[in-house]
Amino acid sequence: MRRTERRRQLIDIMHGLHQQSQSQADFTAAKIAESAGISTVWFYKLVRPEFQALRSQLSGPRLSRDEELSRLRCEVADLRQKLQEVQHKLRTTAVEDLDEAILLIERYEKENIQLRQQVALLQKRLGEGGHVIIQPSHGSAQPHLIIVNNDDTNPN
């Protein structure tokens, strides 16, 4: 949404809340920004003069410009701190995920090498005239392959 469209939307929201408000406590920048789904800082950047004009029409204590700026600076500092924390967490999470993925790839590569060696051995034995018997394993999920040469199958 462009800045001018967002500004018009905020002014409409402000006028609606202003009509419902009876004091300045009811009509705050934080409430308007929250209902618009934006930060208070961005709200002030877009519609500060209009907000101040509408707010001054309501009864209640008036904040000086310095008090408002001080409050906004605190909010900006807090938002920057949260941003740094989130960025650090994102970097840490990405690194941990990559480490885990690398470990999985290495494990799968080792298993792949072992399986290729077993297949090569079985192909060699079959080529020599042996037989392959698949024997169910006890306590393991995978059956074991046993190579039996022709002379092993003859009981004589």
Protein backbone atom coordinates (compact mmCIF):
# COMPACT_ATOMS: atom_id res chain seq x y z
CA MET A 1 0.00 0.00 0.00
CA ARG A 2 1.35 3.39 -0.93
CA ARG A 3 2.01 6.08 1.64
CA THR A 4 -0.86 8.30 0.48
CA GLU A 5 -3.34 5.42 0.60
CA ARG A 6 -2.14 4.40 4.08
CA ARG A 7 -2.40 8.05 5.19
CA ARG A 8 -6.00 8.31 3.99
CA GLN A 9 -6.85 5.05 5.70
CA LEU A 10 -5.34 6.30 8.98
CA ILE A 11 -7.25 9.57 8.79
CA ASP A 12 -10.50 7.64 8.30
CA ILE A 13 -9.71 5.40 11.28
CA MET A 14 -8.77 8.45 13.35
CA HIS A 15 -12.01 10.26 12.59
CA GLY A 16 -14.02 7.17 13.50
CA LEU A 17 -12.23 6.76 16.83
CA HIS A 18 -12.39 10.50 17.50
CA GLN A 19 -16.18 10.46 17.25
CA GLN A 20 -16.33 7.61 19.79
CA SER A 21 -13.83 9.18 22.21
CA GLN A 22 -14.76 11.37 25.14
CA SER A 23 -11.27 12.27 26.38
CA GLN A 24 -7.66 12.23 25.27
CA ALA A 25 -7.19 9.00 27.20
CA ASP A 26 -9.64 7.34 24.80
CA PHE A 27 -7.96 8.82 21.74
CA THR A 28 -4.28 7.79 21.72
CA ALA A 29 -1.81 7.23 18.96
CA ALA A 30 -1.13 3.72 20.23
CA LYS A 31 -4.81 2.74 19.97
CA ILE A 32 -5.15 4.15 16.47
CA ALA A 33 -1.89 2.57 15.30
CA GLU A 34 -2.91 -0.78 16.75
CA SER A 35 -6.30 -0.70 15.05
CA ALA A 36 -4.53 0.18 11.76
CA GLY A 37 -1.94 -2.57 12.27
CA ILE A 38 1.11 -0.29 12.18
CA SER A 39 3.67 0.97 14.69
CA THR A 40 3.13 4.17 16.61
CA VAL A 41 6.29 5.62 15.09
CA TRP A 42 4.99 5.06 11.55
CA PHE A 43 1.62 6.46 12.61
CA TYR A 44 3.25 9.70 13.79
CA LYS A 45 5.28 9.95 10.58
CA LEU A 46 2.12 9.75 8.49
CA VAL A 47 -0.50 11.75 10.38
CA ARG A 48 1.01 13.62 13.35
CA PRO A 49 -0.51 17.06 12.60
CA GLU A 50 -4.00 15.68 11.99
CA PHE A 51 -3.82 13.53 15.12
CA GLN A 52 -2.67 16.43 17.28
CA ALA A 53 -5.43 18.66 15.91
CA LEU A 54 -8.14 16.08 16.64
CA ARG A 55 -6.70 15.20 20.05
CA SER A 56 -6.55 18.84 21.14
CA GLN A 57 -10.32 19.02 20.70
CA LEU A 58 -10.80 16.45 23.48
CA SER A 59 -10.55 17.06 27.20
CA GLY A 60 -7.59 15.75 29.18
CA PRO A 61 -3.95 16.48 29.90
CA ARG A 62 -1.82 17.73 27.06
CA LEU A 63 1.60 16.15 26.46
CA SER A 64 4.34 18.47 25.37
CA ARG A 65 6.18 17.81 22.17
CA ASP A 66 9.32 16.89 24.15
CA GLU A 67 7.39 14.30 26.16
CA GLU A 68 5.99 12.75 23.01
CA LEU A 69 9.42 12.70 21.36
CA SER A 70 10.97 11.14 24.42
CA ARG A 71 8.31 8.43 24.51
CA LEU A 72 8.75 7.76 20.80
CA ARG A 73 12.53 7.56 21.12
CA CYS A 74 12.11 4.97 23.85
CA GLU A 75 9.77 3.01 21.62
CA VAL A 76 12.23 3.21 18.71
CA ALA A 77 15.09 2.03 20.96
CA ASP A 78 12.95 -0.85 22.19
CA LEU A 79 11.99 -1.83 18.62
CA ARG A 80 15.63 -1.73 17.52
CA GLN A 81 16.62 -3.97 20.43
CA LYS A 82 13.87 -6.44 19.53
CA LEU A 83 14.97 -6.35 15.89
CA GLN A 84 18.56 -7.18 16.85
CA GLU A 85 17.38 -10.06 19.04
CA VAL A 86 15.20 -11.47 16.26
CA GLN A 87 18.00 -11.12 13.69
CA HIS A 88 20.44 -12.89 16.02
CA LYS A 89 17.93 -15.67 16.67
CA LEU A 90 17.33 -16.04 12.93
CA ARG A 91 21.07 -16.32 12.20
CA THR A 92 21.54 -18.81 15.05
CA THR A 93 18.59 -20.92 13.93
CA ALA A 94 19.80 -20.94 10.32
CA VAL A 95 23.29 -22.05 11.36
CA GLU A 96 21.91 -24.78 13.63
CA ASP A 97 19.63 -26.04 10.84
CA LEU A 98 22.55 -26.11 8.41
CA ASP A 99 24.72 -28.01 10.91
CA GLU A 100 21.97 -30.57 11.40
CA ALA A 101 21.47 -30.93 7.64
CA ILE A 102 25.21 -31.43 7.10
CA LEU A 103 25.33 -34.13 9.79
CA LEU A 104 22.39 -35.93 8.17
CA ILE A 105 24.02 -35.74 4.74
CA GLU A 106 27.26 -37.16 6.14
CA ARG A 107 25.40 -39.99 7.89
CA TYR A 108 23.45 -40.84 4.73
CA GLU A 109 26.63 -40.74 2.69
CA LYS A 110 28.30 -43.27 5.04
CA GLU A 111 25.25 -45.53 4.87
CA ASN A 112 25.23 -45.21 1.10
CA ILE A 113 28.91 -46.21 0.90
CA GLN A 114 28.28 -49.25 3.13
CA LEU A 115 25.31 -50.34 1.04
CA ARG A 116 27.29 -49.96 -2.18
CA GLN A 117 30.06 -52.11 -0.71
CA GLN A 118 27.56 -54.78 0.28
CA VAL A 119 25.95 -54.74 -3.17
CA ALA A 120 29.37 -55.03 -4.83
CA LEU A 121 30.27 -57.98 -2.59
CA LEU A 122 26.97 -59.71 -3.30
CA GLN A 123 27.35 -59.18 -7.05
CA LYS A 124 30.87 -60.63 -6.90
CA ARG A 125 29.73 -63.70 -4.98
CA LEU A 126 26.77 -64.24 -7.28
CA GLY A 127 29.12 -63.98 -10.22
CA GLU A 128 31.26 -66.72 -8.64
CA GLY A 129 28.23 -69.01 -8.55
CA GLY A 130 27.08 -68.50 -4.97
CA HIS A 131 23.53 -68.16 -3.76
CA VAL A 132 22.11 -65.35 -1.69
CA ILE A 133 19.79 -66.23 1.14
CA ILE A 134 17.78 -63.55 2.89
CA GLN A 135 17.57 -64.43 6.54
CA PRO A 136 15.25 -62.59 8.93
CA SER A 137 17.15 -60.92 11.69
CA HIS A 138 16.34 -61.18 15.35
CA GLY A 139 15.83 -57.78 16.96
CA SER A 140 16.81 -55.74 13.89
CA ALA A 141 14.48 -54.03 11.47
CA GLN A 142 16.38 -55.12 8.35
CA PRO A 143 16.95 -58.72 7.22
CA HIS A 144 20.51 -59.92 6.77
CA LEU A 145 21.84 -61.24 3.49
CA ILE A 146 23.95 -64.36 3.73
CA ILE A 147 26.00 -65.60 0.79
CA VAL A 148 26.20 -69.34 0.48
CA ASN A 149 28.54 -70.93 -2.04
CA ASN A 150 27.39 -73.95 -4.03
CA ASP A 151 29.50 -76.30 -1.97
CA ASP A 152 27.98 -74.89 1.29
CA THR A 153 24.45 -75.78 0.11
CA ASN A 154 25.39 -79.44 -0.49
CA PRO A 155 25.25 -81.34 2.81
CA ASN A 156 27.39 -84.17 1.29
